[in-house]
């Protein structure tokens, strides 16, 4: 895998603050410990209830992605959340879209970097890249987030209103 931005390399306070604004608590595990609640294993972030588990080698995009799953799911799923966020394809697209929006709130990440990191990790989109999907094929994800009220939350967290003019 190409190099992606890791928790140890980012503004950790900005990331944990952003995740806290989504209603989660970041739990950092030791460098040699297995990450609890990690669906993908290895260094990927884990979900258990409102806790997001990461290590210093966890990719920032992974932490954002799992936190966005938490933000997008309903209360019933949150109550039993352990490892597998579940959801359908529409929700997964919304999660990816929200992840990209929230990257703008992180000084070390931003949109351009998260596009590259998502592509390096292996996210697959019909148009071949995260950026092409976001800019040309993500209307359904944006509408899903609008319908759930999450686009307004993203604007508040990123202090930006430009996302509604896409």
C-alpha atoms as a PDB file:
ATOM      1  CA  UNK A   1       0.000   0.000   0.000  1.00  0.00           C
ATOM      2  CA  UNK A   2       1.248   3.487  -0.809  1.00  0.00           C
ATOM      3  CA  UNK A   3       1.976   5.734   2.130  1.00  0.00           C
ATOM      4  CA  UNK A   4      -1.041   7.437   3.665  1.00  0.00           C
ATOM      5  CA  UNK A   5      -1.295   9.995   6.458  1.00  0.00           C
ATOM      6  CA  UNK A   6      -1.163   8.230   9.831  1.00  0.00           C
ATOM      7  CA  UNK A   7      -2.496   9.322  13.217  1.00  0.00           C
ATOM      8  CA  UNK A   8       1.079   9.795  14.467  1.00  0.00           C
ATOM      9  CA  UNK A   9       1.733  12.290  11.639  1.00  0.00           C
ATOM     10  CA  UNK A  10      -1.391  14.412  11.919  1.00  0.00           C
ATOM     11  CA  UNK A  11      -2.669  17.140  14.210  1.00  0.00           C
ATOM     12  CA  UNK A  12      -3.971  14.665  16.765  1.00  0.00           C
ATOM     13  CA  UNK A  13      -5.908  17.253  18.725  1.00  0.00           C
ATOM     14  CA  UNK A  14      -7.737  18.392  15.583  1.00  0.00           C
ATOM     15  CA  UNK A  15      -8.648  14.814  14.637  1.00  0.00           C
ATOM     16  CA  UNK A  16      -9.803  13.771  18.111  1.00  0.00           C
ATOM     17  CA  UNK A  17     -11.778  17.018  18.433  1.00  0.00           C
ATOM     18  CA  UNK A  18     -13.499  16.448  15.107  1.00  0.00           C
ATOM     19  CA  UNK A  19     -14.376  12.884  16.060  1.00  0.00           C
ATOM     20  CA  UNK A  20     -15.637  14.073  19.461  1.00  0.00           C
ATOM     21  CA  UNK A  21     -17.925  16.532  17.657  1.00  0.00           C
ATOM     22  CA  UNK A  22     -19.506  13.493  15.979  1.00  0.00           C
ATOM     23  CA  UNK A  23     -20.291  12.036  19.420  1.00  0.00           C
ATOM     24  CA  UNK A  24     -17.402   9.605  19.709  1.00  0.00           C
ATOM     25  CA  UNK A  25     -14.470   9.095  22.046  1.00  0.00           C
ATOM     26  CA  UNK A  26     -11.071   8.224  20.582  1.00  0.00           C
ATOM     27  CA  UNK A  27      -9.311   5.397  22.403  1.00  0.00           C
ATOM     28  CA  UNK A  28      -5.647   4.960  21.535  1.00  0.00           C
ATOM     29  CA  UNK A  29      -4.221   1.473  21.884  1.00  0.00           C
ATOM     30  CA  UNK A  30      -0.568   0.533  22.198  1.00  0.00           C
ATOM     31  CA  UNK A  31       1.634   0.085  19.146  1.00  0.00           C
ATOM     32  CA  UNK A  32       1.706  -3.707  19.315  1.00  0.00           C
ATOM     33  CA  UNK A  33      -1.890  -4.203  20.428  1.00  0.00           C
ATOM     34  CA  UNK A  34      -4.704  -5.475  18.254  1.00  0.00           C
ATOM     35  CA  UNK A  35      -7.226  -2.715  17.566  1.00  0.00           C
ATOM     36  CA  UNK A  36     -10.544  -3.633  19.200  1.00  0.00           C
ATOM     37  CA  UNK A  37     -13.551  -3.460  16.909  1.00  0.00           C
ATOM     38  CA  UNK A  38     -11.505  -3.249  13.699  1.00  0.00           C
ATOM     39  CA  UNK A  39     -13.464  -4.748  10.811  1.00  0.00           C
ATOM     40  CA  UNK A  40     -10.445  -4.813   8.478  1.00  0.00           C
ATOM     41  CA  UNK A  41      -7.797  -5.661  11.075  1.00  0.00           C
ATOM     42  CA  UNK A  42      -4.171  -4.553  10.927  1.00  0.00           C
ATOM     43  CA  UNK A  43      -3.900  -0.822  11.577  1.00  0.00           C
ATOM     44  CA  UNK A  44      -7.480   0.033  10.594  1.00  0.00           C
ATOM     45  CA  UNK A  45      -9.716   1.899  13.060  1.00  0.00           C
ATOM     46  CA  UNK A  46     -12.201  -0.018  15.192  1.00  0.00           C
ATOM     47  CA  UNK A  47     -15.734   0.693  16.377  1.00  0.00           C
ATOM     48  CA  UNK A  48     -17.357  -0.420  19.604  1.00  0.00           C
ATOM     49  CA  UNK A  49     -20.312   1.652  20.703  1.00  0.00           C
ATOM     50  CA  UNK A  50     -19.321   5.312  20.705  1.00  0.00           C
ATOM     51  CA  UNK A  51     -15.618   4.442  20.992  1.00  0.00           C
ATOM     52  CA  UNK A  52     -13.284   4.755  18.028  1.00  0.00           C
ATOM     53  CA  UNK A  53     -10.137   2.675  18.549  1.00  0.00           C
ATOM     54  CA  UNK A  54      -6.924   3.637  16.796  1.00  0.00           C
ATOM     55  CA  UNK A  55      -3.163   3.205  17.031  1.00  0.00           C
ATOM     56  CA  UNK A  56      -0.452   5.625  16.041  1.00  0.00           C
ATOM     57  CA  UNK A  57      -0.154   3.805  12.695  1.00  0.00           C
ATOM     58  CA  UNK A  58      -3.893   4.021  11.932  1.00  0.00           C
ATOM     59  CA  UNK A  59      -4.527   5.905   8.690  1.00  0.00           C
ATOM     60  CA  UNK A  60      -6.394   9.164   9.250  1.00  0.00           C
ATOM     61  CA  UNK A  61      -8.802   8.263   6.437  1.00  0.00           C
ATOM     62  CA  UNK A  62      -9.675   5.049   8.311  1.00  0.00           C
ATOM     63  CA  UNK A  63     -10.434   6.944  11.526  1.00  0.00           C
ATOM     64  CA  UNK A  64     -12.590   9.418   9.593  1.00  0.00           C
ATOM     65  CA  UNK A  65     -14.366   6.667   7.678  1.00  0.00           C
ATOM     66  CA  UNK A  66     -15.360   4.717  10.768  1.00  0.00           C
ATOM     67  CA  UNK A  67     -16.404   7.895  12.606  1.00  0.00           C
ATOM     68  CA  UNK A  68     -18.567   8.828   9.622  1.00  0.00           C
ATOM     69  CA  UNK A  69     -20.211   5.396   9.783  1.00  0.00           C
ATOM     70  CA  UNK A  70     -21.110   6.185  13.385  1.00  0.00           C
ATOM     71  CA  UNK A  71     -22.499   9.588  12.376  1.00  0.00           C
ATOM     72  CA  UNK A  72     -24.583   8.101   9.552  1.00  0.00           C
ATOM     73  CA  UNK A  73     -26.182   5.196  11.407  1.00  0.00           C
ATOM     74  CA  UNK A  74     -29.381   5.373  13.418  1.00  0.00           C
ATOM     75  CA  UNK A  75     -29.556   5.154  17.205  1.00  0.00           C
ATOM     76  CA  UNK A  76     -30.646   1.500  17.194  1.00  0.00           C
ATOM     77  CA  UNK A  77     -27.523   0.455  15.300  1.00  0.00           C
ATOM     78  CA  UNK A  78     -25.318   2.647  17.494  1.00  0.00           C
ATOM     79  CA  UNK A  79     -26.605   0.880  20.615  1.00  0.00           C
ATOM     80  CA  UNK A  80     -25.340  -2.498  19.392  1.00  0.00           C
ATOM     81  CA  UNK A  81     -22.360  -1.285  17.362  1.00  0.00           C
ATOM     82  CA  UNK A  82     -19.425  -3.642  17.538  1.00  0.00           C
ATOM     83  CA  UNK A  83     -16.887  -3.950  14.710  1.00  0.00           C
ATOM     84  CA  UNK A  84     -19.236  -4.086  11.692  1.00  0.00           C
ATOM     85  CA  UNK A  85     -20.924  -0.743  10.992  1.00  0.00           C
ATOM     86  CA  UNK A  86     -23.319  -2.392   8.548  1.00  0.00           C
ATOM     87  CA  UNK A  87     -25.557  -0.191   6.451  1.00  0.00           C
ATOM     88  CA  UNK A  88     -26.420  -0.320   2.769  1.00  0.00           C
ATOM     89  CA  UNK A  89     -24.701   0.958  -0.381  1.00  0.00           C
ATOM     90  CA  UNK A  90     -26.381   4.361  -0.155  1.00  0.00           C
ATOM     91  CA  UNK A  91     -25.123   4.824   3.387  1.00  0.00           C
ATOM     92  CA  UNK A  92     -21.616   3.672   2.415  1.00  0.00           C
ATOM     93  CA  UNK A  93     -21.524   6.312  -0.326  1.00  0.00           C
ATOM     94  CA  UNK A  94     -22.712   8.928   2.154  1.00  0.00           C
ATOM     95  CA  UNK A  95     -19.994   7.846   4.586  1.00  0.00           C
ATOM     96  CA  UNK A  96     -17.320   8.312   1.916  1.00  0.00           C
ATOM     97  CA  UNK A  97     -18.719  11.715   0.947  1.00  0.00           C
ATOM     98  CA  UNK A  98     -18.867  12.894   4.565  1.00  0.00           C
ATOM     99  CA  UNK A  99     -15.339  11.598   5.140  1.00  0.00           C
ATOM    100  CA  UNK A 100     -14.091  13.786   2.292  1.00  0.00           C
ATOM    101  CA  UNK A 101     -15.942  16.846   3.589  1.00  0.00           C
ATOM    102  CA  UNK A 102     -14.606  16.429   7.108  1.00  0.00           C
ATOM    103  CA  UNK A 103     -11.037  16.066   5.837  1.00  0.00           C
ATOM    104  CA  UNK A 104     -11.161  19.796   5.119  1.00  0.00           C
ATOM    105  CA  UNK A 105     -11.348  20.457   8.871  1.00  0.00           C
ATOM    106  CA  UNK A 106      -7.981  18.792   9.451  1.00  0.00           C
ATOM    107  CA  UNK A 107      -4.893  20.936   8.813  1.00  0.00           C
ATOM    108  CA  UNK A 108      -2.751  17.976   7.732  1.00  0.00           C
ATOM    109  CA  UNK A 109      -5.364  16.323   5.547  1.00  0.00           C
ATOM    110  CA  UNK A 110      -7.692  18.353   3.372  1.00  0.00           C
ATOM    111  CA  UNK A 111      -9.539  17.195   0.324  1.00  0.00           C
ATOM    112  CA  UNK A 112      -6.628  16.608  -2.038  1.00  0.00           C
ATOM    113  CA  UNK A 113      -4.792  14.431   0.466  1.00  0.00           C
ATOM    114  CA  UNK A 114      -7.812  12.337   1.389  1.00  0.00           C
ATOM    115  CA  UNK A 115      -8.540  11.704  -2.292  1.00  0.00           C
ATOM    116  CA  UNK A 116      -5.016  10.331  -2.679  1.00  0.00           C
ATOM    117  CA  UNK A 117      -5.166   8.323   0.540  1.00  0.00           C
ATOM    118  CA  UNK A 118      -8.537   6.793  -0.327  1.00  0.00           C
ATOM    119  CA  UNK A 119      -7.221   5.776  -3.744  1.00  0.00           C
ATOM    120  CA  UNK A 120      -4.030   4.351  -2.215  1.00  0.00           C
ATOM    121  CA  UNK A 121      -6.033   2.277   0.268  1.00  0.00           C
ATOM    122  CA  UNK A 122      -8.159   0.822  -2.481  1.00  0.00           C
ATOM    123  CA  UNK A 123     -11.548   2.468  -2.291  1.00  0.00           C
ATOM    124  CA  UNK A 124     -13.186   1.706  -5.620  1.00  0.00           C
ATOM    125  CA  UNK A 125     -15.456   4.090  -7.443  1.00  0.00           C
ATOM    126  CA  UNK A 126     -17.133   3.790 -10.833  1.00  0.00           C
ATOM    127  CA  UNK A 127     -15.144   6.699 -12.231  1.00  0.00           C
ATOM    128  CA  UNK A 128     -11.793   5.282 -11.125  1.00  0.00           C
ATOM    129  CA  UNK A 129     -10.832   7.653  -8.310  1.00  0.00           C
ATOM    130  CA  UNK A 130     -12.249   9.208  -5.165  1.00  0.00           C
ATOM    131  CA  UNK A 131     -11.902  12.682  -6.622  1.00  0.00           C
ATOM    132  CA  UNK A 132     -13.663  11.844  -9.893  1.00  0.00           C
ATOM    133  CA  UNK A 133     -16.493  10.175  -7.962  1.00  0.00           C
ATOM    134  CA  UNK A 134     -16.832  13.079  -5.507  1.00  0.00           C
ATOM    135  CA  UNK A 135     -16.841  15.735  -8.212  1.00  0.00           C
ATOM    136  CA  UNK A 136     -18.947  13.947 -10.850  1.00  0.00           C
ATOM    137  CA  UNK A 137     -20.937  11.022  -9.475  1.00  0.00           C
ATOM    138  CA  UNK A 138     -21.820  11.623  -5.829  1.00  0.00           C
ATOM    139  CA  UNK A 139     -25.172  13.406  -6.057  1.00  0.00           C
ATOM    140  CA  UNK A 140     -26.900  10.462  -4.391  1.00  0.00           C
ATOM    141  CA  UNK A 141     -24.503  10.612  -1.425  1.00  0.00           C
ATOM    142  CA  UNK A 142     -24.918  14.373  -1.040  1.00  0.00           C
ATOM    143  CA  UNK A 143     -28.725  14.042  -1.165  1.00  0.00           C
ATOM    144  CA  UNK A 144     -28.626  11.226   1.417  1.00  0.00           C
ATOM    145  CA  UNK A 145     -26.615  13.438   3.775  1.00  0.00           C
ATOM    146  CA  UNK A 146     -28.941  16.387   3.181  1.00  0.00           C
ATOM    147  CA  UNK A 147     -31.983  14.239   3.907  1.00  0.00           C
ATOM    148  CA  UNK A 148     -30.446  13.045   7.196  1.00  0.00           C
ATOM    149  CA  UNK A 149     -29.333  16.555   8.192  1.00  0.00           C
ATOM    150  CA  UNK A 150     -25.666  15.577   8.121  1.00  0.00           C
ATOM    151  CA  UNK A 151     -24.582  17.951   5.367  1.00  0.00           C
ATOM    152  CA  UNK A 152     -25.434  20.908   7.614  1.00  0.00           C
ATOM    153  CA  UNK A 153     -23.437  19.305  10.431  1.00  0.00           C
ATOM    154  CA  UNK A 154     -20.441  18.884   8.101  1.00  0.00           C
ATOM    155  CA  UNK A 155     -20.661  22.555   7.138  1.00  0.00           C
ATOM    156  CA  UNK A 156     -20.664  23.524  10.799  1.00  0.00           C
ATOM    157  CA  UNK A 157     -17.700  21.271  11.638  1.00  0.00           C
ATOM    158  CA  UNK A 158     -15.636  22.437   8.666  1.00  0.00           C
ATOM    159  CA  UNK A 159     -16.789  26.063   8.979  1.00  0.00           C
ATOM    160  CA  UNK A 160     -17.574  25.992   5.285  1.00  0.00           C
ATOM    161  CA  UNK A 161     -20.677  26.567   3.265  1.00  0.00           C
ATOM    162  CA  UNK A 162     -19.117  25.746  -0.086  1.00  0.00           C
ATOM    163  CA  UNK A 163     -20.184  22.085   0.053  1.00  0.00           C
ATOM    164  CA  UNK A 164     -23.790  22.960  -0.738  1.00  0.00           C
ATOM    165  CA  UNK A 165     -22.782  24.625  -3.990  1.00  0.00           C
ATOM    166  CA  UNK A 166     -21.176  21.536  -5.510  1.00  0.00           C
END
